[in-house]
Amino acid sequence: MSESVKPEVVDGRRARSERSKQAIIDATLTLMEEGNLIPTAQQISDKAGVGIRSFFRHFEDMETLFATIDEQTRESTEALFLGGDRDGTLEERILHAIERYGEGYEKQSNMILSTSAQLWRSETLRKNYARYQRGLRKDLDDWLPELKQLTRNKREAVDAIASFEMWHRLRYHQGLGKQATIDVLVGGLKTLLNG
């Protein structure tokens, strides 16, 4: 290293670079949460207060950005769905599972919609989405061990009922409130598991 470039200068540049990178990640998440489901690199740069060249210095392309965001948010996203009171009768566990998932879906709604809108063009998002779907299916088995007794058709119906897509349809397209949506989904699961 040249004597003219002092370590504190290099550290300062590195710190600025990391701040800039984080600002891009935060701007992407903010835009998605605000309803811009497919933000462009230019929109993200503008929101982050950095130049477009800075964006591409940190992220080779949108795939790299998506992968970095997933690494940074995976633990907090999964925590929205995992955990909860898993004791009680079958009916109580069904209710608690749907309440838990509903809270997660409400908080992640625009992020999930953004992912869905971009699945066609992003291998990273397809892989991440598939991983989350497998995780939710496995988690539902933990909530409701009784699912192992169901036929394949009924088991697939359970996943459809507990999915974000069903939650979103009832909330957005059919205009139901949160509690009404929970009631519909709980009713559907009870019918499948008791029928």
C-alpha atoms as a PDB file:
ATOM      1  CA  MET A   1       0.000   0.000   0.000  1.00  0.00           C
ATOM      2  CA  SER A   2       1.264   3.415  -0.903  1.00  0.00           C
ATOM      3  CA  GLU A   3       2.324   5.503   2.046  1.00  0.00           C
ATOM      4  CA  SER A   4       0.163   8.313   0.668  1.00  0.00           C
ATOM      5  CA  VAL A   5      -3.014   6.236   1.248  1.00  0.00           C
ATOM      6  CA  LYS A   6      -3.415   6.044   4.991  1.00  0.00           C
ATOM      7  CA  PRO A   7      -5.330   3.127   6.576  1.00  0.00           C
ATOM      8  CA  GLU A   8      -7.984   5.462   7.973  1.00  0.00           C
ATOM      9  CA  VAL A   9      -8.676   6.760   4.427  1.00  0.00           C
ATOM     10  CA  VAL A  10      -9.160   3.197   3.176  1.00  0.00           C
ATOM     11  CA  ASP A  11     -11.367   2.400   6.186  1.00  0.00           C
ATOM     12  CA  GLY A  12     -13.391   5.553   5.512  1.00  0.00           C
ATOM     13  CA  ARG A  13     -13.920   4.558   1.884  1.00  0.00           C
ATOM     14  CA  ARG A  14     -14.905   1.056   2.900  1.00  0.00           C
ATOM     15  CA  ALA A  15     -17.391   2.413   5.457  1.00  0.00           C
ATOM     16  CA  ARG A  16     -18.918   4.764   2.850  1.00  0.00           C
ATOM     17  CA  SER A  17     -19.141   1.912   0.382  1.00  0.00           C
ATOM     18  CA  GLU A  18     -20.922  -0.294   2.931  1.00  0.00           C
ATOM     19  CA  ARG A  19     -23.340   2.548   3.786  1.00  0.00           C
ATOM     20  CA  SER A  20     -24.077   3.011   0.102  1.00  0.00           C
ATOM     21  CA  LYS A  21     -24.671  -0.728  -0.382  1.00  0.00           C
ATOM     22  CA  GLN A  22     -27.002  -0.868   2.615  1.00  0.00           C
ATOM     23  CA  ALA A  23     -28.860   2.221   1.403  1.00  0.00           C
ATOM     24  CA  ILE A  24     -29.567   0.398  -1.883  1.00  0.00           C
ATOM     25  CA  ILE A  25     -30.897  -2.650  -0.019  1.00  0.00           C
ATOM     26  CA  ASP A  26     -33.034  -0.487   2.285  1.00  0.00           C
ATOM     27  CA  ALA A  27     -34.360   1.539  -0.662  1.00  0.00           C
ATOM     28  CA  THR A  28     -35.369  -1.641  -2.501  1.00  0.00           C
ATOM     29  CA  LEU A  29     -37.265  -2.943   0.514  1.00  0.00           C
ATOM     30  CA  THR A  30     -38.929   0.427   1.103  1.00  0.00           C
ATOM     31  CA  LEU A  31     -40.077   0.718  -2.520  1.00  0.00           C
ATOM     32  CA  MET A  32     -41.555  -2.777  -2.406  1.00  0.00           C
ATOM     33  CA  GLU A  33     -43.266  -2.135   0.922  1.00  0.00           C
ATOM     34  CA  GLU A  34     -44.703   1.094  -0.524  1.00  0.00           C
ATOM     35  CA  GLY A  35     -46.258  -0.893  -3.375  1.00  0.00           C
ATOM     36  CA  ASN A  36     -43.689  -0.540  -6.169  1.00  0.00           C
ATOM     37  CA  LEU A  37     -43.580  -4.281  -6.745  1.00  0.00           C
ATOM     38  CA  ILE A  38     -41.019  -4.201  -9.560  1.00  0.00           C
ATOM     39  CA  PRO A  39     -38.653  -1.299  -8.838  1.00  0.00           C
ATOM     40  CA  THR A  40     -35.994  -0.562 -11.431  1.00  0.00           C
ATOM     41  CA  ALA A  41     -32.314  -0.059 -10.682  1.00  0.00           C
ATOM     42  CA  GLN A  42     -32.775   3.650 -11.426  1.00  0.00           C
ATOM     43  CA  GLN A  43     -35.733   3.991  -9.030  1.00  0.00           C
ATOM     44  CA  ILE A  44     -33.781   2.159  -6.333  1.00  0.00           C
ATOM     45  CA  SER A  45     -30.718   4.368  -6.876  1.00  0.00           C
ATOM     46  CA  ASP A  46     -32.823   7.519  -6.700  1.00  0.00           C
ATOM     47  CA  LYS A  47     -34.524   6.345  -3.491  1.00  0.00           C
ATOM     48  CA  ALA A  48     -31.150   5.393  -1.968  1.00  0.00           C
ATOM     49  CA  GLY A  49     -29.605   8.729  -2.915  1.00  0.00           C
ATOM     50  CA  VAL A  50     -26.800   7.105  -4.907  1.00  0.00           C
ATOM     51  CA  GLY A  51     -25.877   7.160  -8.574  1.00  0.00           C
ATOM     52  CA  ILE A  52     -26.816   4.342 -10.907  1.00  0.00           C
ATOM     53  CA  ARG A  53     -23.113   3.549 -11.356  1.00  0.00           C
ATOM     54  CA  SER A  54     -22.840   3.061  -7.610  1.00  0.00           C
ATOM     55  CA  PHE A  55     -25.763   0.608  -7.786  1.00  0.00           C
ATOM     56  CA  PHE A  56     -23.955  -1.519 -10.361  1.00  0.00           C
ATOM     57  CA  ARG A  57     -20.646  -1.290  -8.504  1.00  0.00           C
ATOM     58  CA  HIS A  58     -22.326  -2.999  -5.554  1.00  0.00           C
ATOM     59  CA  PHE A  59     -24.701  -5.280  -7.438  1.00  0.00           C
ATOM     60  CA  GLU A  60     -23.797  -6.779 -10.792  1.00  0.00           C
ATOM     61  CA  ASP A  61     -27.494  -7.144 -11.619  1.00  0.00           C
ATOM     62  CA  MET A  62     -30.910  -7.469  -9.962  1.00  0.00           C
ATOM     63  CA  GLU A  63     -30.273 -11.172  -9.273  1.00  0.00           C
ATOM     64  CA  THR A  64     -27.308 -10.250  -7.084  1.00  0.00           C
ATOM     65  CA  LEU A  65     -29.445  -7.700  -5.258  1.00  0.00           C
ATOM     66  CA  PHE A  66     -32.253 -10.237  -4.687  1.00  0.00           C
ATOM     67  CA  ALA A  67     -29.786 -12.800  -3.325  1.00  0.00           C
ATOM     68  CA  THR A  68     -28.262 -10.239  -0.948  1.00  0.00           C
ATOM     69  CA  ILE A  69     -31.670  -9.084   0.292  1.00  0.00           C
ATOM     70  CA  ASP A  70     -32.697 -12.695   0.936  1.00  0.00           C
ATOM     71  CA  GLU A  71     -29.525 -13.377   2.921  1.00  0.00           C
ATOM     72  CA  GLN A  72     -30.127 -10.266   5.006  1.00  0.00           C
ATOM     73  CA  THR A  73     -33.859 -10.756   5.650  1.00  0.00           C
ATOM     74  CA  ARG A  74     -34.314 -14.551   5.683  1.00  0.00           C
ATOM     75  CA  GLU A  75     -34.048 -14.996   9.442  1.00  0.00           C
ATOM     76  CA  SER A  76     -36.504 -12.204  10.290  1.00  0.00           C
ATOM     77  CA  THR A  77     -38.943 -13.339   7.580  1.00  0.00           C
ATOM     78  CA  GLU A  78     -38.915 -16.952   8.761  1.00  0.00           C
ATOM     79  CA  ALA A  79     -39.364 -15.796  12.368  1.00  0.00           C
ATOM     80  CA  LEU A  80     -42.740 -14.281  11.405  1.00  0.00           C
ATOM     81  CA  PHE A  81     -44.068 -17.757  10.625  1.00  0.00           C
ATOM     82  CA  LEU A  82     -42.164 -20.064  12.960  1.00  0.00           C
ATOM     83  CA  GLY A  83     -42.859 -20.400  16.668  1.00  0.00           C
ATOM     84  CA  GLY A  84     -46.196 -19.753  18.298  1.00  0.00           C
ATOM     85  CA  ASP A  85     -48.253 -21.815  20.742  1.00  0.00           C
ATOM     86  CA  ARG A  86     -48.342 -25.309  19.244  1.00  0.00           C
ATOM     87  CA  ASP A  87     -50.110 -27.011  22.137  1.00  0.00           C
ATOM     88  CA  GLY A  88     -53.803 -27.679  22.520  1.00  0.00           C
ATOM     89  CA  THR A  89     -56.568 -29.465  20.695  1.00  0.00           C
ATOM     90  CA  LEU A  90     -56.583 -29.855  16.930  1.00  0.00           C
ATOM     91  CA  GLU A  91     -59.038 -26.962  16.617  1.00  0.00           C
ATOM     92  CA  GLU A  92     -56.870 -24.701  18.794  1.00  0.00           C
ATOM     93  CA  ARG A  93     -53.720 -25.549  16.823  1.00  0.00           C
ATOM     94  CA  ILE A  94     -55.470 -24.915  13.508  1.00  0.00           C
ATOM     95  CA  LEU A  95     -56.577 -21.506  14.792  1.00  0.00           C
ATOM     96  CA  HIS A  96     -53.130 -20.622  16.155  1.00  0.00           C
ATOM     97  CA  ALA A  97     -51.394 -21.706  12.928  1.00  0.00           C
ATOM     98  CA  ILE A  98     -53.710 -19.625  10.722  1.00  0.00           C
ATOM     99  CA  GLU A  99     -53.419 -16.617  13.054  1.00  0.00           C
ATOM    100  CA  ARG A 100     -49.629 -16.886  12.924  1.00  0.00           C
ATOM    101  CA  TYR A 101     -49.524 -17.261   9.153  1.00  0.00           C
ATOM    102  CA  GLY A 102     -52.034 -14.437   8.733  1.00  0.00           C
ATOM    103  CA  GLU A 103     -49.830 -12.060  10.728  1.00  0.00           C
ATOM    104  CA  GLY A 104     -46.838 -13.025   8.605  1.00  0.00           C
ATOM    105  CA  TYR A 105     -48.787 -12.641   5.370  1.00  0.00           C
ATOM    106  CA  GLU A 106     -50.050  -9.217   6.417  1.00  0.00           C
ATOM    107  CA  LYS A 107     -46.533  -7.988   7.221  1.00  0.00           C
ATOM    108  CA  GLN A 108     -44.956  -9.503   4.114  1.00  0.00           C
ATOM    109  CA  SER A 109     -47.807  -8.941   1.662  1.00  0.00           C
ATOM    110  CA  ASN A 110     -46.069  -6.558  -0.743  1.00  0.00           C
ATOM    111  CA  MET A 111     -42.797  -8.481  -0.547  1.00  0.00           C
ATOM    112  CA  ILE A 112     -44.583 -11.710  -1.498  1.00  0.00           C
ATOM    113  CA  LEU A 113     -46.499  -9.953  -4.275  1.00  0.00           C
ATOM    114  CA  SER A 114     -43.249  -8.437  -5.555  1.00  0.00           C
ATOM    115  CA  THR A 115     -41.608 -11.852  -5.595  1.00  0.00           C
ATOM    116  CA  SER A 116     -44.600 -13.398  -7.390  1.00  0.00           C
ATOM    117  CA  ALA A 117     -44.598 -10.628  -9.995  1.00  0.00           C
ATOM    118  CA  GLN A 118     -40.950 -11.288 -10.822  1.00  0.00           C
ATOM    119  CA  LEU A 119     -40.773 -15.090 -10.686  1.00  0.00           C
ATOM    120  CA  TRP A 120     -40.892 -15.297 -14.481  1.00  0.00           C
ATOM    121  CA  ARG A 121     -37.603 -13.438 -14.845  1.00  0.00           C
ATOM    122  CA  SER A 122     -35.591 -14.311 -11.754  1.00  0.00           C
ATOM    123  CA  GLU A 123     -34.007 -17.679 -11.022  1.00  0.00           C
ATOM    124  CA  THR A 124     -32.961 -16.383  -7.584  1.00  0.00           C
ATOM    125  CA  LEU A 125     -36.531 -15.455  -6.655  1.00  0.00           C
ATOM    126  CA  ARG A 126     -37.868 -18.786  -7.976  1.00  0.00           C
ATOM    127  CA  LYS A 127     -35.394 -20.689  -5.784  1.00  0.00           C
ATOM    128  CA  ASN A 128     -36.101 -18.512  -2.739  1.00  0.00           C
ATOM    129  CA  TYR A 129     -39.876 -18.761  -3.199  1.00  0.00           C
ATOM    130  CA  ALA A 130     -39.694 -22.562  -3.539  1.00  0.00           C
ATOM    131  CA  ARG A 131     -37.569 -22.738  -0.366  1.00  0.00           C
ATOM    132  CA  TYR A 132     -40.098 -20.674   1.591  1.00  0.00           C
ATOM    133  CA  GLN A 133     -42.960 -22.845   0.294  1.00  0.00           C
ATOM    134  CA  ARG A 134     -41.182 -26.017   1.398  1.00  0.00           C
ATOM    135  CA  GLY A 135     -40.507 -24.406   4.782  1.00  0.00           C
ATOM    136  CA  LEU A 136     -44.161 -23.441   5.287  1.00  0.00           C
ATOM    137  CA  ARG A 137     -45.320 -26.929   4.336  1.00  0.00           C
ATOM    138  CA  LYS A 138     -42.886 -28.496   6.795  1.00  0.00           C
ATOM    139  CA  ASP A 139     -43.899 -25.991   9.460  1.00  0.00           C
ATOM    140  CA  LEU A 140     -47.591 -26.799   8.978  1.00  0.00           C
ATOM    141  CA  ASP A 141     -46.737 -30.483   9.521  1.00  0.00           C
ATOM    142  CA  ASP A 142     -45.220 -29.431  12.853  1.00  0.00           C
ATOM    143  CA  TRP A 143     -48.364 -27.505  13.822  1.00  0.00           C
ATOM    144  CA  LEU A 144     -50.657 -30.316  12.710  1.00  0.00           C
ATOM    145  CA  PRO A 145     -49.106 -33.820  12.817  1.00  0.00           C
ATOM    146  CA  GLU A 146     -52.583 -35.097  11.888  1.00  0.00           C
ATOM    147  CA  LEU A 147     -51.844 -34.042   8.308  1.00  0.00           C
ATOM    148  CA  LYS A 148     -49.812 -37.217   7.865  1.00  0.00           C
ATOM    149  CA  GLN A 149     -53.095 -39.202   7.948  1.00  0.00           C
ATOM    150  CA  LEU A 150     -54.635 -37.351   5.015  1.00  0.00           C
ATOM    151  CA  THR A 151     -54.833 -38.512   1.428  1.00  0.00           C
ATOM    152  CA  ARG A 152     -52.571 -36.671  -0.977  1.00  0.00           C
ATOM    153  CA  ASN A 153     -55.485 -34.695  -2.434  1.00  0.00           C
ATOM    154  CA  LYS A 154     -56.607 -33.500   0.998  1.00  0.00           C
ATOM    155  CA  ARG A 155     -53.022 -32.646   1.983  1.00  0.00           C
ATOM    156  CA  GLU A 156     -52.615 -30.520  -1.132  1.00  0.00           C
ATOM    157  CA  ALA A 157     -55.925 -28.803  -0.349  1.00  0.00           C
ATOM    158  CA  VAL A 158     -54.619 -27.983   3.150  1.00  0.00           C
ATOM    159  CA  ASP A 159     -51.563 -26.244   1.657  1.00  0.00           C
ATOM    160  CA  ALA A 160     -53.783 -24.300  -0.730  1.00  0.00           C
ATOM    161  CA  ILE A 161     -56.034 -23.143   2.116  1.00  0.00           C
ATOM    162  CA  ALA A 162     -53.084 -22.096   4.306  1.00  0.00           C
ATOM    163  CA  SER A 163     -51.273 -20.322   1.456  1.00  0.00           C
ATOM    164  CA  PHE A 164     -50.615 -16.629   0.970  1.00  0.00           C
ATOM    165  CA  GLU A 165     -52.530 -16.812  -2.294  1.00  0.00           C
ATOM    166  CA  MET A 166     -55.714 -17.871  -0.491  1.00  0.00           C
ATOM    167  CA  TRP A 167     -55.158 -15.291   2.263  1.00  0.00           C
ATOM    168  CA  HIS A 168     -54.621 -12.536  -0.302  1.00  0.00           C
ATOM    169  CA  ARG A 169     -57.631 -13.575  -2.363  1.00  0.00           C
ATOM    170  CA  LEU A 170     -59.941 -13.395   0.643  1.00  0.00           C
ATOM    171  CA  ARG A 171     -58.469 -10.144   1.955  1.00  0.00           C
ATOM    172  CA  TYR A 172     -57.945  -8.233  -1.294  1.00  0.00           C
ATOM    173  CA  HIS A 173     -60.191  -9.698  -3.981  1.00  0.00           C
ATOM    174  CA  GLN A 174     -63.111 -10.697  -1.766  1.00  0.00           C
ATOM    175  CA  GLY A 175     -62.722  -7.820   0.690  1.00  0.00           C
ATOM    176  CA  LEU A 176     -62.848  -9.797   3.930  1.00  0.00           C
ATOM    177  CA  GLY A 177     -61.409  -8.425   7.159  1.00  0.00           C
ATOM    178  CA  LYS A 178     -58.623 -10.242   8.984  1.00  0.00           C
ATOM    179  CA  GLN A 179     -60.886 -12.067  11.431  1.00  0.00           C
ATOM    180  CA  ALA A 180     -63.339 -13.115   8.719  1.00  0.00           C
ATOM    181  CA  THR A 181     -60.427 -14.427   6.651  1.00  0.00           C
ATOM    182  CA  ILE A 182     -59.119 -16.396   9.629  1.00  0.00           C
ATOM    183  CA  ASP A 183     -62.599 -17.830  10.208  1.00  0.00           C
ATOM    184  CA  VAL A 184     -62.927 -18.972   6.572  1.00  0.00           C
ATOM    185  CA  LEU A 185     -59.495 -20.624   6.514  1.00  0.00           C
ATOM    186  CA  VAL A 186     -59.920 -22.278   9.920  1.00  0.00           C
ATOM    187  CA  GLY A 187     -63.301 -23.608   8.802  1.00  0.00           C
ATOM    188  CA  GLY A 188     -61.800 -25.067   5.643  1.00  0.00           C
ATOM    189  CA  LEU A 189     -58.978 -26.782   7.523  1.00  0.00           C
ATOM    190  CA  LYS A 190     -61.334 -28.186  10.146  1.00  0.00           C
ATOM    191  CA  THR A 191     -63.533 -29.668   7.419  1.00  0.00           C
ATOM    192  CA  LEU A 192     -60.575 -31.349   5.732  1.00  0.00           C
ATOM    193  CA  LEU A 193     -59.054 -32.657   8.969  1.00  0.00           C
ATOM    194  CA  ASN A 194     -62.294 -33.833  10.560  1.00  0.00           C
ATOM    195  CA  GLY A 195     -63.982 -35.058   7.375  1.00  0.00           C
END
